[in-house]
Amino acid sequence: MNSKTPGSSTLKAEVTNISSHSFWLLSHGKEHFLAFEEFPWFKEAPVSKILNLEEQNPGHFYWPDLDVDLSIESIEHPENHPLSFE
């Protein structure tokens, strides 16, 4: 029997530190650095919205309050995933 509510995360990831230039994401024992320069969606976000994080699948992170969806690949290698604005 599954006691989880629909849409709830089964994996644990957390933001461990936030500075004026970046934040750190801990997942599966590894900490990842996300600079606001490379991930601008978080720069002006309130702390509470950055902390509200779901790891929906291993290596797949979602911030529902910001509607930001990132893979571990894009976090570890942002140079391979350039931003585009239209």
C-alpha atoms as a PDB file:
ATOM      1  CA  MET A   1       0.000   0.000   0.000  1.00  0.00           C
ATOM      2  CA  ASN A   2       1.346   3.386  -0.996  1.00  0.00           C
ATOM      3  CA  SER A   3       0.670   6.032   1.663  1.00  0.00           C
ATOM      4  CA  LYS A   4       2.206   8.894  -0.326  1.00  0.00           C
ATOM      5  CA  THR A   5      -0.026  11.557  -1.738  1.00  0.00           C
ATOM      6  CA  PRO A   6      -0.082  12.085  -5.504  1.00  0.00           C
ATOM      7  CA  GLY A   7       2.661  14.409  -6.677  1.00  0.00           C
ATOM      8  CA  SER A   8       4.794  14.017  -3.563  1.00  0.00           C
ATOM      9  CA  SER A   9       8.482  13.325  -3.895  1.00  0.00           C
ATOM     10  CA  THR A  10       9.949   9.971  -2.949  1.00  0.00           C
ATOM     11  CA  LEU A  11      13.578  11.146  -2.958  1.00  0.00           C
ATOM     12  CA  LYS A  12      15.373  13.592  -0.681  1.00  0.00           C
ATOM     13  CA  ALA A  13      17.322  16.563  -1.977  1.00  0.00           C
ATOM     14  CA  GLU A  14      17.928  19.799  -0.144  1.00  0.00           C
ATOM     15  CA  VAL A  15      19.433  23.232  -0.504  1.00  0.00           C
ATOM     16  CA  THR A  16      22.201  23.431   2.078  1.00  0.00           C
ATOM     17  CA  ASN A  17      23.427  27.011   1.695  1.00  0.00           C
ATOM     18  CA  ILE A  18      22.431  30.203  -0.120  1.00  0.00           C
ATOM     19  CA  SER A  19      24.683  33.201  -0.733  1.00  0.00           C
ATOM     20  CA  SER A  20      24.199  36.397  -2.697  1.00  0.00           C
ATOM     21  CA  HIS A  21      25.794  34.738  -5.744  1.00  0.00           C
ATOM     22  CA  SER A  22      24.765  31.083  -5.588  1.00  0.00           C
ATOM     23  CA  PHE A  23      23.351  28.154  -3.692  1.00  0.00           C
ATOM     24  CA  TRP A  24      24.354  24.585  -2.968  1.00  0.00           C
ATOM     25  CA  LEU A  25      22.157  21.563  -3.603  1.00  0.00           C
ATOM     26  CA  LEU A  26      22.767  18.284  -1.747  1.00  0.00           C
ATOM     27  CA  SER A  27      21.523  15.093  -3.373  1.00  0.00           C
ATOM     28  CA  HIS A  28      22.603  11.477  -2.844  1.00  0.00           C
ATOM     29  CA  GLY A  29      25.582  12.536  -0.751  1.00  0.00           C
ATOM     30  CA  LYS A  30      26.964  14.946  -3.347  1.00  0.00           C
ATOM     31  CA  GLU A  31      26.807  18.729  -3.161  1.00  0.00           C
ATOM     32  CA  HIS A  32      26.275  20.763  -6.338  1.00  0.00           C
ATOM     33  CA  PHE A  33      27.066  24.470  -6.774  1.00  0.00           C
ATOM     34  CA  LEU A  34      24.534  26.580  -8.695  1.00  0.00           C
ATOM     35  CA  ALA A  35      25.760  30.077  -9.512  1.00  0.00           C
ATOM     36  CA  PHE A  36      23.012  32.613 -10.189  1.00  0.00           C
ATOM     37  CA  GLU A  37      24.964  33.748 -13.243  1.00  0.00           C
ATOM     38  CA  GLU A  38      24.425  30.300 -14.792  1.00  0.00           C
ATOM     39  CA  PHE A  39      20.972  29.707 -13.251  1.00  0.00           C
ATOM     40  CA  PRO A  40      19.325  33.169 -13.302  1.00  0.00           C
ATOM     41  CA  TRP A  41      15.842  31.919 -12.367  1.00  0.00           C
ATOM     42  CA  PHE A  42      16.966  31.780  -8.728  1.00  0.00           C
ATOM     43  CA  LYS A  43      18.716  35.166  -8.453  1.00  0.00           C
ATOM     44  CA  GLU A  44      15.713  37.254  -7.382  1.00  0.00           C
ATOM     45  CA  ALA A  45      13.728  34.378  -5.848  1.00  0.00           C
ATOM     46  CA  PRO A  46      12.811  34.452  -2.171  1.00  0.00           C
ATOM     47  CA  VAL A  47      14.696  31.941  -0.036  1.00  0.00           C
ATOM     48  CA  SER A  48      11.483  30.016   0.689  1.00  0.00           C
ATOM     49  CA  LYS A  49      10.982  29.375  -3.030  1.00  0.00           C
ATOM     50  CA  ILE A  50      14.551  28.144  -3.520  1.00  0.00           C
ATOM     51  CA  LEU A  51      14.171  25.826  -0.524  1.00  0.00           C
ATOM     52  CA  ASN A  52      10.944  24.338  -1.899  1.00  0.00           C
ATOM     53  CA  LEU A  53      12.608  21.617  -3.960  1.00  0.00           C
ATOM     54  CA  GLU A  54      11.493  18.217  -5.204  1.00  0.00           C
ATOM     55  CA  GLU A  55      13.655  15.465  -6.644  1.00  0.00           C
ATOM     56  CA  GLN A  56      11.031  13.735  -8.746  1.00  0.00           C
ATOM     57  CA  ASN A  57      13.421  11.122 -10.126  1.00  0.00           C
ATOM     58  CA  PRO A  58      17.101  10.503  -9.406  1.00  0.00           C
ATOM     59  CA  GLY A  59      18.965  13.484 -10.841  1.00  0.00           C
ATOM     60  CA  HIS A  60      15.819  15.401 -11.829  1.00  0.00           C
ATOM     61  CA  PHE A  61      15.015  18.452  -9.696  1.00  0.00           C
ATOM     62  CA  TYR A  62      11.942  20.668  -9.691  1.00  0.00           C
ATOM     63  CA  TRP A  63      11.193  23.945  -7.900  1.00  0.00           C
ATOM     64  CA  PRO A  64       7.368  24.163  -8.107  1.00  0.00           C
ATOM     65  CA  ASP A  65       7.114  27.738  -6.810  1.00  0.00           C
ATOM     66  CA  LEU A  66       9.465  28.905  -9.574  1.00  0.00           C
ATOM     67  CA  ASP A  67       8.442  26.371 -12.250  1.00  0.00           C
ATOM     68  CA  VAL A  68      12.126  25.504 -12.743  1.00  0.00           C
ATOM     69  CA  ASP A  69      13.044  22.002 -13.842  1.00  0.00           C
ATOM     70  CA  LEU A  70      16.733  20.968 -13.990  1.00  0.00           C
ATOM     71  CA  SER A  71      18.580  17.725 -14.603  1.00  0.00           C
ATOM     72  CA  ILE A  72      21.813  16.788 -12.883  1.00  0.00           C
ATOM     73  CA  GLU A  73      23.490  16.993 -16.318  1.00  0.00           C
ATOM     74  CA  SER A  74      22.522  20.657 -16.724  1.00  0.00           C
ATOM     75  CA  ILE A  75      23.696  21.437 -13.171  1.00  0.00           C
ATOM     76  CA  GLU A  76      27.047  19.692 -13.528  1.00  0.00           C
ATOM     77  CA  HIS A  77      27.663  20.948 -17.085  1.00  0.00           C
ATOM     78  CA  PRO A  78      25.802  24.250 -17.595  1.00  0.00           C
ATOM     79  CA  GLU A  79      28.136  25.064 -20.490  1.00  0.00           C
ATOM     80  CA  ASN A  80      26.403  22.292 -22.482  1.00  0.00           C
ATOM     81  CA  HIS A  81      22.983  23.835 -21.834  1.00  0.00           C
ATOM     82  CA  PRO A  82      23.182  27.512 -22.841  1.00  0.00           C
ATOM     83  CA  LEU A  83      20.363  29.816 -21.866  1.00  0.00           C
ATOM     84  CA  SER A  84      18.274  31.316 -24.625  1.00  0.00           C
ATOM     85  CA  PHE A  85      15.858  34.183 -24.261  1.00  0.00           C
ATOM     86  CA  GLU A  86      13.414  35.244 -26.940  1.00  0.00           C
END
